[in-house]
C-alpha atoms as a PDB file:
ATOM      1  CA  MET A   1      62.476  29.860 -27.558  1.00  0.00           C
ATOM      2  CA  LYS A   2      61.618  26.432 -28.929  1.00  0.00           C
ATOM      3  CA  ASN A   3      62.251  24.917 -25.486  1.00  0.00           C
ATOM      4  CA  LYS A   4      59.958  27.463 -23.835  1.00  0.00           C
ATOM      5  CA  ARG A   5      57.131  26.711 -26.316  1.00  0.00           C
ATOM      6  CA  SER A   6      57.471  22.979 -25.640  1.00  0.00           C
ATOM      7  CA  ILE A   7      57.204  23.539 -21.905  1.00  0.00           C
ATOM      8  CA  PHE A   8      54.178  25.806 -22.419  1.00  0.00           C
ATOM      9  CA  SER A   9      52.470  23.267 -24.721  1.00  0.00           C
ATOM     10  CA  LEU A  10      53.061  20.484 -22.205  1.00  0.00           C
ATOM     11  CA  ALA A  11      51.507  22.576 -19.407  1.00  0.00           C
ATOM     12  CA  VAL A  12      48.398  23.371 -21.483  1.00  0.00           C
ATOM     13  CA  SER A  13      47.963  19.699 -22.448  1.00  0.00           C
ATOM     14  CA  SER A  14      48.191  18.622 -18.796  1.00  0.00           C
ATOM     15  CA  LEU A  15      45.615  21.211 -17.772  1.00  0.00           C
ATOM     16  CA  LEU A  16      43.153  20.109 -20.484  1.00  0.00           C
ATOM     17  CA  ALA A  17      43.554  16.465 -19.472  1.00  0.00           C
ATOM     18  CA  ALA A  18      42.788  17.300 -15.855  1.00  0.00           C
ATOM     19  CA  VAL A  19      39.619  19.170 -16.865  1.00  0.00           C
ATOM     20  CA  VAL A  20      38.410  16.230 -18.979  1.00  0.00           C
ATOM     21  CA  ILE A  21      39.049  13.713 -16.173  1.00  0.00           C
ATOM     22  CA  ALA A  22      37.287  15.925 -13.611  1.00  0.00           C
ATOM     23  CA  GLY A  23      34.191  16.048 -15.850  1.00  0.00           C
ATOM     24  CA  CYS A  24      33.924  12.255 -16.157  1.00  0.00           C
ATOM     25  CA  GLY A  25      31.995  11.269 -12.987  1.00  0.00           C
ATOM     26  CA  THR A  26      30.109   7.951 -12.664  1.00  0.00           C
ATOM     27  CA  ALA A  27      26.689   7.956 -14.378  1.00  0.00           C
ATOM     28  CA  GLY A  28      23.931   8.820 -11.932  1.00  0.00           C
ATOM     29  CA  SER A  29      26.341  10.432  -9.477  1.00  0.00           C
ATOM     30  CA  PRO A  30      27.469  13.994  -8.788  1.00  0.00           C
ATOM     31  CA  SER A  31      30.194  14.975 -11.269  1.00  0.00           C
ATOM     32  CA  GLY A  32      33.671  13.939 -10.207  1.00  0.00           C
ATOM     33  CA  THR A  33      32.649  11.959  -7.105  1.00  0.00           C
ATOM     34  CA  GLY A  34      32.714   8.538  -8.725  1.00  0.00           C
ATOM     35  CA  GLN A  35      29.981   7.450  -6.259  1.00  0.00           C
ATOM     36  CA  PRO A  36      26.413   6.521  -7.306  1.00  0.00           C
ATOM     37  CA  THR A  37      23.547   8.671  -6.064  1.00  0.00           C
ATOM     38  CA  GLU A  38      21.825   6.997  -3.084  1.00  0.00           C
ATOM     39  CA  GLN A  39      18.193   5.924  -3.389  1.00  0.00           C
ATOM     40  CA  PRO A  40      15.758   7.613  -0.972  1.00  0.00           C
ATOM     41  CA  GLN A  41      15.201   5.723   2.269  1.00  0.00           C
ATOM     42  CA  ALA A  42      12.264   5.920   4.630  1.00  0.00           C
ATOM     43  CA  GLY A  43      12.654   8.705   7.134  1.00  0.00           C
ATOM     44  CA  GLN A  44      15.291  10.474   4.988  1.00  0.00           C
ATOM     45  CA  GLU A  45      12.973  12.370   2.658  1.00  0.00           C
ATOM     46  CA  GLY A  46      14.829  15.624   3.257  1.00  0.00           C
ATOM     47  CA  THR A  47      18.184  14.533   1.808  1.00  0.00           C
ATOM     48  CA  GLN A  48      17.465  15.035  -1.902  1.00  0.00           C
ATOM     49  CA  PRO A  49      19.317  17.791  -3.854  1.00  0.00           C
ATOM     50  CA  SER A  50      17.764  21.257  -3.888  1.00  0.00           C
ATOM     51  CA  GLY A  51      15.136  21.698  -6.607  1.00  0.00           C
ATOM     52  CA  GLU A  52      14.080  18.026  -6.632  1.00  0.00           C
ATOM     53  CA  LYS A  53      10.946  16.676  -4.960  1.00  0.00           C
ATOM     54  CA  LYS A  54      11.482  14.794  -1.724  1.00  0.00           C
ATOM     55  CA  THR A  55      10.440  11.120  -1.649  1.00  0.00           C
ATOM     56  CA  LEU A  56       8.156   9.220   0.716  1.00  0.00           C
ATOM     57  CA  ILE A  57       8.090   5.421   0.723  1.00  0.00           C
ATOM     58  CA  MET A  58       4.591   3.934   0.826  1.00  0.00           C
ATOM     59  CA  ALA A  59       4.269   0.256   1.792  1.00  0.00           C
ATOM     60  CA  THR A  60       1.205  -1.658   0.614  1.00  0.00           C
ATOM     61  CA  SER A  61      -0.082  -5.138  -0.177  1.00  0.00           C
ATOM     62  CA  ALA A  62      -1.178  -4.847  -3.799  1.00  0.00           C
ATOM     63  CA  ASP A  63      -3.679  -7.696  -3.867  1.00  0.00           C
ATOM     64  CA  TYR A  64      -6.652  -5.713  -2.611  1.00  0.00           C
ATOM     65  CA  GLN A  65      -8.580  -4.461  -5.621  1.00  0.00           C
ATOM     66  CA  PRO A  66      -9.859  -1.753  -5.868  1.00  0.00           C
ATOM     67  CA  TYR A  67      -7.716  -0.298  -3.065  1.00  0.00           C
ATOM     68  CA  GLU A  68      -4.388  -1.387  -4.604  1.00  0.00           C
ATOM     69  CA  TYR A  69      -3.565  -4.022  -7.207  1.00  0.00           C
ATOM     70  CA  HIS A  70      -1.271  -4.844 -10.137  1.00  0.00           C
ATOM     71  CA  ASP A  71      -2.612  -3.571 -13.474  1.00  0.00           C
ATOM     72  CA  LEU A  72      -1.069  -5.106 -16.614  1.00  0.00           C
ATOM     73  CA  SER A  73      -3.494  -3.604 -19.143  1.00  0.00           C
ATOM     74  CA  SER A  74      -0.947  -1.080 -20.442  1.00  0.00           C
ATOM     75  CA  GLY A  75       1.614  -3.795 -21.124  1.00  0.00           C
ATOM     76  CA  LYS A  76       3.615  -3.022 -18.005  1.00  0.00           C
ATOM     77  CA  ASP A  77       3.152  -3.928 -14.361  1.00  0.00           C
ATOM     78  CA  GLU A  78       1.725  -0.895 -12.538  1.00  0.00           C
ATOM     79  CA  ILE A  79       0.240  -0.709  -9.034  1.00  0.00           C
ATOM     80  CA  VAL A  80      -2.994   1.296  -9.170  1.00  0.00           C
ATOM     81  CA  GLY A  81      -6.111   1.786  -7.066  1.00  0.00           C
ATOM     82  CA  PHE A  82      -8.071   3.944  -4.653  1.00  0.00           C
ATOM     83  CA  ASP A  83      -5.287   4.183  -2.065  1.00  0.00           C
ATOM     84  CA  ILE A  84      -2.676   4.857  -4.752  1.00  0.00           C
ATOM     85  CA  ASP A  85      -4.654   7.809  -6.137  1.00  0.00           C
ATOM     86  CA  ILE A  86      -5.114   9.248  -2.640  1.00  0.00           C
ATOM     87  CA  ALA A  87      -1.396   8.859  -1.882  1.00  0.00           C
ATOM     88  CA  LYS A  88      -0.422  10.586  -5.131  1.00  0.00           C
ATOM     89  CA  TYR A  89      -2.817  13.462  -4.435  1.00  0.00           C
ATOM     90  CA  ILE A  90      -1.403  13.906  -0.922  1.00  0.00           C
ATOM     91  CA  GLY A  91       2.137  13.746  -2.271  1.00  0.00           C
ATOM     92  CA  GLN A  92       1.381  16.430  -4.818  1.00  0.00           C
ATOM     93  CA  GLU A  93      -0.190  18.675  -2.185  1.00  0.00           C
ATOM     94  CA  LEU A  94       2.743  18.265   0.220  1.00  0.00           C
ATOM     95  CA  GLY A  95       5.532  18.329  -2.393  1.00  0.00           C
ATOM     96  CA  TYR A  96       6.591  14.660  -2.255  1.00  0.00           C
ATOM     97  CA  GLU A  97       7.208  11.950  -4.809  1.00  0.00           C
ATOM     98  CA  ILE A  98       5.589   8.671  -3.700  1.00  0.00           C
ATOM     99  CA  GLN A  99       7.530   5.401  -4.063  1.00  0.00           C
ATOM    100  CA  VAL A 100       5.241   2.354  -3.686  1.00  0.00           C
ATOM    101  CA  ASN A 101       6.682  -0.876  -2.240  1.00  0.00           C
ATOM    102  CA  ASP A 102       4.567  -4.051  -2.464  1.00  0.00           C
ATOM    103  CA  MET A 103       4.793  -6.700   0.288  1.00  0.00           C
ATOM    104  CA  ASN A 104       2.681  -9.195   2.224  1.00  0.00           C
ATOM    105  CA  PHE A 105       0.009  -7.626   4.424  1.00  0.00           C
ATOM    106  CA  ASP A 106       1.437  -9.006   7.664  1.00  0.00           C
ATOM    107  CA  GLY A 107       4.753  -7.265   6.892  1.00  0.00           C
ATOM    108  CA  LEU A 108       3.284  -3.760   6.641  1.00  0.00           C
ATOM    109  CA  VAL A 109       3.319  -2.748  10.313  1.00  0.00           C
ATOM    110  CA  PRO A 110       6.836  -4.189  10.811  1.00  0.00           C
ATOM    111  CA  SER A 111       8.005  -2.111   7.818  1.00  0.00           C
ATOM    112  CA  LEU A 112       6.956   1.032   9.698  1.00  0.00           C
ATOM    113  CA  GLN A 113       8.545  -0.117  12.928  1.00  0.00           C
ATOM    114  CA  SER A 114      11.859  -0.815  11.178  1.00  0.00           C
ATOM    115  CA  LYS A 115      11.749   2.516   9.272  1.00  0.00           C
ATOM    116  CA  ARG A 116      11.621   0.772   5.882  1.00  0.00           C
ATOM    117  CA  ALA A 117       8.500   2.778   5.021  1.00  0.00           C
ATOM    118  CA  ASP A 118       7.237   6.271   5.801  1.00  0.00           C
ATOM    119  CA  PHE A 119       3.564   5.287   5.691  1.00  0.00           C
ATOM    120  CA  VAL A 120       1.210   2.426   4.852  1.00  0.00           C
ATOM    121  CA  MET A 121      -1.963   2.513   2.790  1.00  0.00           C
ATOM    122  CA  ALA A 122      -3.561  -0.897   2.255  1.00  0.00           C
ATOM    123  CA  GLY A 123      -7.227  -0.673   3.193  1.00  0.00           C
ATOM    124  CA  MET A 124      -5.970  -0.832   6.777  1.00  0.00           C
ATOM    125  CA  THR A 125      -8.253  -0.339   9.771  1.00  0.00           C
ATOM    126  CA  PRO A 126      -7.014   1.098  13.091  1.00  0.00           C
ATOM    127  CA  ASN A 127      -7.589  -1.438  15.854  1.00  0.00           C
ATOM    128  CA  PRO A 128      -6.282  -1.658  19.434  1.00  0.00           C
ATOM    129  CA  ASP A 129      -3.400  -4.008  18.580  1.00  0.00           C
ATOM    130  CA  ARG A 130      -2.154  -1.869  15.684  1.00  0.00           C
ATOM    131  CA  LEU A 131      -2.527   1.350  17.670  1.00  0.00           C
ATOM    132  CA  LYS A 132       0.005  -0.001  20.150  1.00  0.00           C
ATOM    133  CA  ASN A 133       2.641  -0.134  17.415  1.00  0.00           C
ATOM    134  CA  VAL A 134       1.839   2.602  14.880  1.00  0.00           C
ATOM    135  CA  ASP A 135      -0.009   5.906  14.548  1.00  0.00           C
ATOM    136  CA  PHE A 136      -2.973   6.446  12.216  1.00  0.00           C
ATOM    137  CA  SER A 137      -4.505   9.281  10.256  1.00  0.00           C
ATOM    138  CA  GLU A 138      -8.195  10.120  10.437  1.00  0.00           C
ATOM    139  CA  ILE A 139     -10.532   7.558   8.826  1.00  0.00           C
ATOM    140  CA  TYR A 140     -10.933   8.321   5.114  1.00  0.00           C
ATOM    141  CA  HIS A 141     -13.292   5.508   4.058  1.00  0.00           C
ATOM    142  CA  GLU A 142     -15.766   3.143   5.730  1.00  0.00           C
ATOM    143  CA  ALA A 143     -16.187  -0.519   4.786  1.00  0.00           C
ATOM    144  CA  LYS A 144     -17.863  -3.715   6.013  1.00  0.00           C
ATOM    145  CA  ASN A 145     -16.937  -7.389   6.229  1.00  0.00           C
ATOM    146  CA  THR A 146     -18.649  -9.968   4.043  1.00  0.00           C
ATOM    147  CA  LEU A 147     -18.943 -13.729   3.803  1.00  0.00           C
ATOM    148  CA  VAL A 148     -17.819 -15.038   0.408  1.00  0.00           C
ATOM    149  CA  ALA A 149     -18.973 -18.563  -0.460  1.00  0.00           C
ATOM    150  CA  LYS A 150     -20.215 -20.688  -3.347  1.00  0.00           C
ATOM    151  CA  LYS A 151     -23.794 -19.911  -4.368  1.00  0.00           C
ATOM    152  CA  ASP A 152     -24.868 -23.502  -3.793  1.00  0.00           C
ATOM    153  CA  SER A 153     -23.382 -23.561  -0.277  1.00  0.00           C
ATOM    154  CA  GLN A 154     -26.276 -21.583   1.256  1.00  0.00           C
ATOM    155  CA  ILE A 155     -23.769 -19.930   3.611  1.00  0.00           C
ATOM    156  CA  THR A 156     -24.960 -16.360   4.180  1.00  0.00           C
ATOM    157  CA  LYS A 157     -24.699 -15.900   7.964  1.00  0.00           C
ATOM    158  CA  PRO A 158     -21.863 -16.322  10.496  1.00  0.00           C
ATOM    159  CA  GLU A 159     -23.852 -18.873  12.540  1.00  0.00           C
ATOM    160  CA  GLN A 160     -23.898 -21.163   9.483  1.00  0.00           C
ATOM    161  CA  LEU A 161     -20.103 -21.523   9.781  1.00  0.00           C
ATOM    162  CA  ALA A 162     -20.331 -24.088  12.590  1.00  0.00           C
ATOM    163  CA  GLY A 163     -17.993 -26.952  11.730  1.00  0.00           C
ATOM    164  CA  LYS A 164     -16.817 -25.112   8.584  1.00  0.00           C
ATOM    165  CA  LYS A 165     -13.438 -23.922   7.297  1.00  0.00           C
ATOM    166  CA  VAL A 166     -13.044 -20.170   6.749  1.00  0.00           C
ATOM    167  CA  ALA A 167     -10.167 -18.396   4.960  1.00  0.00           C
ATOM    168  CA  VAL A 168      -8.944 -14.903   5.904  1.00  0.00           C
ATOM    169  CA  GLN A 169      -5.963 -12.696   5.134  1.00  0.00           C
ATOM    170  CA  LEU A 170      -3.057 -13.057   7.542  1.00  0.00           C
ATOM    171  CA  GLY A 171      -2.750 -10.049   9.863  1.00  0.00           C
ATOM    172  CA  SER A 172      -6.039  -8.487   8.730  1.00  0.00           C
ATOM    173  CA  ILE A 173      -9.028  -7.331  10.765  1.00  0.00           C
ATOM    174  CA  GLN A 174     -10.943 -10.113   8.987  1.00  0.00           C
ATOM    175  CA  GLU A 175      -8.612 -12.592  10.698  1.00  0.00           C
ATOM    176  CA  THR A 176      -9.460 -10.954  14.037  1.00  0.00           C
ATOM    177  CA  ALA A 177     -13.173 -11.113  13.191  1.00  0.00           C
ATOM    178  CA  ALA A 178     -12.884 -14.821  12.401  1.00  0.00           C
ATOM    179  CA  LYS A 179     -11.121 -15.490  15.703  1.00  0.00           C
ATOM    180  CA  ASP A 180     -13.891 -13.643  17.523  1.00  0.00           C
ATOM    181  CA  LEU A 181     -16.508 -15.721  15.694  1.00  0.00           C
ATOM    182  CA  ALA A 182     -14.695 -18.929  16.658  1.00  0.00           C
ATOM    183  CA  LYS A 183     -15.407 -18.108  20.311  1.00  0.00           C
ATOM    184  CA  THR A 184     -19.158 -18.461  19.738  1.00  0.00           C
ATOM    185  CA  VAL A 185     -19.484 -20.568  16.559  1.00  0.00           C
ATOM    186  CA  GLU A 186     -18.672 -24.164  17.428  1.00  0.00           C
ATOM    187  CA  GLY A 187     -16.132 -26.001  15.303  1.00  0.00           C
ATOM    188  CA  LEU A 188     -15.159 -22.992  13.154  1.00  0.00           C
ATOM    189  CA  GLN A 189     -11.737 -23.609  11.600  1.00  0.00           C
ATOM    190  CA  ILE A 190      -9.606 -20.677  10.361  1.00  0.00           C
ATOM    191  CA  THR A 191      -7.133 -20.741   7.480  1.00  0.00           C
ATOM    192  CA  SER A 192      -4.938 -17.616   7.254  1.00  0.00           C
ATOM    193  CA  LEU A 193      -3.269 -16.827   3.906  1.00  0.00           C
ATOM    194  CA  ASN A 194      -1.134 -13.956   2.585  1.00  0.00           C
ATOM    195  CA  ARG A 195      -3.027 -12.949  -0.560  1.00  0.00           C
ATOM    196  CA  ILE A 196      -6.725 -12.362  -1.316  1.00  0.00           C
ATOM    197  CA  GLY A 197      -6.408 -14.165  -4.640  1.00  0.00           C
ATOM    198  CA  GLU A 198      -5.262 -17.282  -2.802  1.00  0.00           C
ATOM    199  CA  ILE A 199      -8.217 -17.002  -0.430  1.00  0.00           C
ATOM    200  CA  VAL A 200     -10.764 -16.761  -3.252  1.00  0.00           C
ATOM    201  CA  GLU A 201      -9.136 -19.737  -4.976  1.00  0.00           C
ATOM    202  CA  GLU A 202      -9.502 -21.778  -1.780  1.00  0.00           C
ATOM    203  CA  VAL A 203     -13.247 -21.031  -1.785  1.00  0.00           C
ATOM    204  CA  LYS A 204     -13.628 -21.831  -5.498  1.00  0.00           C
ATOM    205  CA  THR A 205     -11.891 -25.203  -5.173  1.00  0.00           C
ATOM    206  CA  GLY A 206     -13.799 -26.133  -2.017  1.00  0.00           C
ATOM    207  CA  ARG A 207     -10.717 -26.416   0.176  1.00  0.00           C
ATOM    208  CA  VAL A 208     -12.485 -23.966   2.494  1.00  0.00           C
ATOM    209  CA  ASP A 209     -16.215 -23.376   2.864  1.00  0.00           C
ATOM    210  CA  ALA A 210     -16.149 -19.590   2.960  1.00  0.00           C
ATOM    211  CA  ALA A 211     -13.971 -16.507   3.345  1.00  0.00           C
ATOM    212  CA  ILE A 212     -14.315 -13.239   5.221  1.00  0.00           C
ATOM    213  CA  ILE A 213     -13.353 -10.343   2.934  1.00  0.00           C
ATOM    214  CA  GLU A 214     -13.957  -6.567   2.937  1.00  0.00           C
ATOM    215  CA  ASP A 215     -17.099  -5.705   0.952  1.00  0.00           C
ATOM    216  CA  HIS A 216     -15.648  -3.636  -1.916  1.00  0.00           C
ATOM    217  CA  VAL A 217     -12.894  -6.186  -2.477  1.00  0.00           C
ATOM    218  CA  ALA A 218     -15.353  -9.078  -2.342  1.00  0.00           C
ATOM    219  CA  LYS A 219     -17.577  -7.335  -4.886  1.00  0.00           C
ATOM    220  CA  GLY A 220     -14.760  -7.263  -7.435  1.00  0.00           C
ATOM    221  CA  PHE A 221     -13.826 -10.927  -7.037  1.00  0.00           C
ATOM    222  CA  VAL A 222     -17.437 -12.156  -7.097  1.00  0.00           C
ATOM    223  CA  ALA A 223     -18.070 -10.173 -10.294  1.00  0.00           C
ATOM    224  CA  LYS A 224     -15.348 -12.255 -11.960  1.00  0.00           C
ATOM    225  CA  ASN A 225     -16.514 -15.577 -10.494  1.00  0.00           C
ATOM    226  CA  GLU A 226     -20.170 -16.398 -11.233  1.00  0.00           C
ATOM    227  CA  ALA A 227     -20.176 -19.417  -8.918  1.00  0.00           C
ATOM    228  CA  LEU A 228     -19.511 -17.201  -5.879  1.00  0.00           C
ATOM    229  CA  GLN A 229     -21.674 -14.879  -3.806  1.00  0.00           C
ATOM    230  CA  PHE A 230     -21.095 -12.493  -0.910  1.00  0.00           C
ATOM    231  CA  THR A 231     -23.298 -11.275   1.919  1.00  0.00           C
ATOM    232  CA  THR A 232     -22.583  -8.472   4.384  1.00  0.00           C
ATOM    233  CA  ILE A 233     -21.860  -9.402   7.992  1.00  0.00           C
ATOM    234  CA  GLN A 234     -23.913  -7.101  10.196  1.00  0.00           C
ATOM    235  CA  SER A 235     -21.783  -5.461  12.889  1.00  0.00           C
ATOM    236  CA  GLU A 236     -21.756  -2.313  14.980  1.00  0.00           C
ATOM    237  CA  GLU A 237     -17.946  -2.137  14.822  1.00  0.00           C
ATOM    238  CA  SER A 238     -16.275   0.262  12.383  1.00  0.00           C
ATOM    239  CA  ASN A 239     -14.057  -1.078   9.600  1.00  0.00           C
ATOM    240  CA  GLY A 240     -12.907   2.376   8.605  1.00  0.00           C
ATOM    241  CA  THR A 241      -9.717   2.735   6.553  1.00  0.00           C
ATOM    242  CA  ALA A 242      -6.827   5.028   7.562  1.00  0.00           C
ATOM    243  CA  VAL A 243      -3.162   5.736   6.786  1.00  0.00           C
ATOM    244  CA  ALA A 244      -0.620   4.146   9.154  1.00  0.00           C
ATOM    245  CA  PHE A 245       2.675   5.782  10.211  1.00  0.00           C
ATOM    246  CA  PRO A 246       5.625   5.009  12.487  1.00  0.00           C
ATOM    247  CA  LYS A 247       4.990   6.095  16.070  1.00  0.00           C
ATOM    248  CA  GLY A 248       5.551   9.822  16.481  1.00  0.00           C
ATOM    249  CA  SER A 249       5.669  10.564  12.734  1.00  0.00           C
ATOM    250  CA  PRO A 250       5.350  14.291  11.936  1.00  0.00           C
ATOM    251  CA  LEU A 251       3.504  13.325   8.736  1.00  0.00           C
ATOM    252  CA  VAL A 252       0.255  12.432  10.536  1.00  0.00           C
ATOM    253  CA  GLU A 253      -0.997  16.000  10.861  1.00  0.00           C
ATOM    254  CA  ASP A 254       0.084  16.928   7.321  1.00  0.00           C
ATOM    255  CA  PHE A 255      -1.814  13.948   5.873  1.00  0.00           C
ATOM    256  CA  ASN A 256      -4.879  14.720   8.015  1.00  0.00           C
ATOM    257  CA  GLN A 257      -5.005  18.259   6.648  1.00  0.00           C
ATOM    258  CA  VAL A 258      -4.944  17.033   3.047  1.00  0.00           C
ATOM    259  CA  LEU A 259      -7.507  14.282   3.719  1.00  0.00           C
ATOM    260  CA  LYS A 260      -9.807  16.909   5.235  1.00  0.00           C
ATOM    261  CA  LYS A 261      -9.322  19.092   2.173  1.00  0.00           C
ATOM    262  CA  MET A 262     -10.129  16.151  -0.135  1.00  0.00           C
ATOM    263  CA  LYS A 263     -13.425  15.568   1.688  1.00  0.00           C
ATOM    264  CA  GLU A 264     -14.322  19.255   1.535  1.00  0.00           C
ATOM    265  CA  ASN A 265     -13.410  19.918  -2.115  1.00  0.00           C
ATOM    266  CA  GLY A 266     -15.098  16.775  -3.485  1.00  0.00           C
ATOM    267  CA  GLU A 267     -11.880  14.989  -4.490  1.00  0.00           C
ATOM    268  CA  MET A 268     -12.535  12.084  -2.099  1.00  0.00           C
ATOM    269  CA  ASP A 269     -16.061  11.554  -3.422  1.00  0.00           C
ATOM    270  CA  LYS A 270     -14.703  11.637  -6.971  1.00  0.00           C
ATOM    271  CA  LEU A 271     -12.199   8.864  -6.180  1.00  0.00           C
ATOM    272  CA  ILE A 272     -14.810   6.798  -4.310  1.00  0.00           C
ATOM    273  CA  ASN A 273     -17.067   6.931  -7.361  1.00  0.00           C
ATOM    274  CA  LYS A 274     -14.144   6.154  -9.680  1.00  0.00           C
ATOM    275  CA  TRP A 275     -13.003   3.030  -7.811  1.00  0.00           C
ATOM    276  CA  PHE A 276     -16.152   1.747  -6.089  1.00  0.00           C
ATOM    277  CA  GLY A 277     -18.789   3.005  -8.490  1.00  0.00           C
ATOM    278  CA  ASP A 278     -21.468   3.284  -5.833  1.00  0.00           C
ATOM    279  CA  GLY A 279     -20.620   6.426  -3.900  1.00  0.00           C
ATOM    280  CA  GLN A 280     -20.548   4.456  -0.643  1.00  0.00           C
END
């Protein structure tokens, strides 16, 4: 009898040990697999476990206040702005979490082409070159180009840029506009940089004579730099802002439906007033 009890006790102990080991999976992974849970990747938003929100990766260039920029006022680095609020609203309506990835502006379209992002929001305007490589949503906001220069420079018109140096953001429609101007304005020299902050600094230090920047963005920088001014460049061309997607993305129609709803229910106007303060 003693022998039988010993055998029985040994069997129970072995069983309990197996249960404990089976319950000790790696942290952040399904129990017992020993493998970490994979992070969501662009184009794989449907792979998350049941009951959890799916994730979309948004690529942006967070140097474009008030569209998207780094806010440190809370003590932590957070990307906020007009585009961020729109993206979060769309995500909520469609049942997605939005993961924001910051990168240089000229890397945004390639990130869609390589499937490293599901969509781009960065104050981006559809133009013929971009339309060859990505799809766009409907326009959700209109903007204009401006000339930013020192107040004592007296530069307020494109024709006054003859023989001058002008800074623009690399890969932007402002860069395209500058190249178009160079065809008719003699001696115009173009400096293309990655970040708007760098461009404004070039103007402030006099390394360039002026910059071409979108009006709402220019307004914010000029407000913080009393020595600078900006004037609108008159043009019949649209600088409307839209969401960019990989070619053939099924998200285009879904986003368009929510953007239409935001215009109809007043949400878009509310965000325009919040971030631009002028209702334009």
